[in-house]
Protein backbone atom coordinates (compact mmCIF):
# COMPACT_ATOMS: atom_id res chain seq x y z
CA UNK A 1 31.55 -26.72 -1.56
CA UNK A 2 28.45 -25.71 -3.45
CA UNK A 3 26.38 -25.55 -0.27
CA UNK A 4 28.98 -23.31 1.43
CA UNK A 5 29.03 -20.94 -1.52
CA UNK A 6 25.23 -20.72 -1.60
CA UNK A 7 25.09 -20.16 2.17
CA UNK A 8 27.58 -17.29 1.80
CA UNK A 9 25.52 -15.79 -1.01
CA UNK A 10 22.40 -15.89 1.11
CA UNK A 11 24.15 -14.39 4.07
CA UNK A 12 25.55 -11.53 1.99
CA UNK A 13 22.21 -10.74 0.43
CA UNK A 14 20.45 -10.88 3.83
CA UNK A 15 23.10 -8.59 5.32
CA UNK A 16 22.76 -6.24 2.41
CA UNK A 17 19.05 -6.00 2.93
CA UNK A 18 19.24 -5.71 6.73
CA UNK A 19 21.83 -2.97 6.60
CA UNK A 20 20.17 -1.28 3.60
CA UNK A 21 23.45 -1.44 1.72
CA UNK A 22 22.68 -2.87 -1.73
CA UNK A 23 26.28 -2.43 -2.82
CA UNK A 24 27.23 -5.44 -0.61
CA UNK A 25 25.56 -7.74 -3.14
CA UNK A 26 28.43 -6.99 -5.55
CA UNK A 27 30.58 -9.25 -3.35
CA UNK A 28 28.14 -12.11 -3.78
CA UNK A 29 28.09 -12.02 -7.63
CA UNK A 30 31.46 -13.79 -8.14
CA UNK A 31 30.27 -16.59 -5.99
CA UNK A 32 27.49 -17.38 -8.46
CA UNK A 33 30.22 -18.04 -11.07
CA UNK A 34 31.95 -20.48 -8.69
CA UNK A 35 28.64 -22.32 -8.08
CA UNK A 36 27.97 -22.56 -11.77
CA UNK A 37 31.47 -23.90 -12.49
CA UNK A 38 31.13 -26.51 -9.69
CA UNK A 39 27.71 -27.57 -10.97
CA UNK A 40 29.05 -27.97 -14.55
CA UNK A 41 31.87 -30.13 -13.15
CA UNK A 42 29.49 -32.36 -11.25
CA UNK A 43 27.20 -32.77 -14.29
CA UNK A 44 30.14 -33.80 -16.43
CA UNK A 45 31.13 -36.40 -13.81
CA UNK A 46 27.65 -37.70 -13.11
CA UNK A 47 26.34 -40.68 -15.05
CA UNK A 48 22.80 -41.22 -13.78
CA UNK A 49 20.18 -39.19 -15.65
CA UNK A 50 18.14 -38.44 -12.49
CA UNK A 51 21.15 -36.89 -10.81
CA UNK A 52 21.90 -34.82 -13.90
CA UNK A 53 18.34 -33.56 -13.97
CA UNK A 54 18.64 -32.61 -10.26
CA UNK A 55 21.85 -30.73 -10.82
CA UNK A 56 20.37 -28.96 -13.79
CA UNK A 57 17.42 -27.89 -11.53
CA UNK A 58 19.88 -26.59 -8.95
CA UNK A 59 21.78 -24.63 -11.65
CA UNK A 60 18.50 -23.13 -12.86
CA UNK A 61 17.54 -22.15 -9.35
CA UNK A 62 20.92 -20.46 -8.79
CA UNK A 63 20.56 -18.61 -12.12
CA UNK A 64 17.03 -17.38 -11.16
CA UNK A 65 18.27 -16.29 -7.71
CA UNK A 66 21.18 -14.42 -9.25
CA UNK A 67 18.63 -12.58 -11.40
CA UNK A 68 16.58 -11.38 -8.46
CA UNK A 69 19.35 -10.48 -6.04
CA UNK A 70 19.95 -7.04 -7.41
CA UNK A 71 16.18 -6.33 -7.51
CA UNK A 72 15.53 -7.33 -3.90
CA UNK A 73 18.51 -5.55 -2.58
CA UNK A 74 17.81 -2.38 -4.55
CA UNK A 75 14.57 -2.12 -2.62
CA UNK A 76 16.37 -2.49 0.67
CA UNK A 77 17.02 1.29 0.71
CA UNK A 78 13.38 2.22 0.18
CA UNK A 79 11.20 3.32 2.97
CA UNK A 80 8.13 1.13 2.42
CA UNK A 81 6.10 2.31 5.39
């Protein structure tokens, strides 16, 4: 499920950039919350420390990506010739 949500987020942000429609990213933002919830559930159910660390790394990467999505898509409308 997490992989599907992340793939959808990536597709939405790519489409937003390709079409120069930054407002499309707004549809991706709720998916980040779903990913975060799913990761928290997995961490709570996981017993091995190495797996918990990996899940926390994934959560951090998702958080970082969520932070740059509005920046990268806001530049999509700029003419950078």
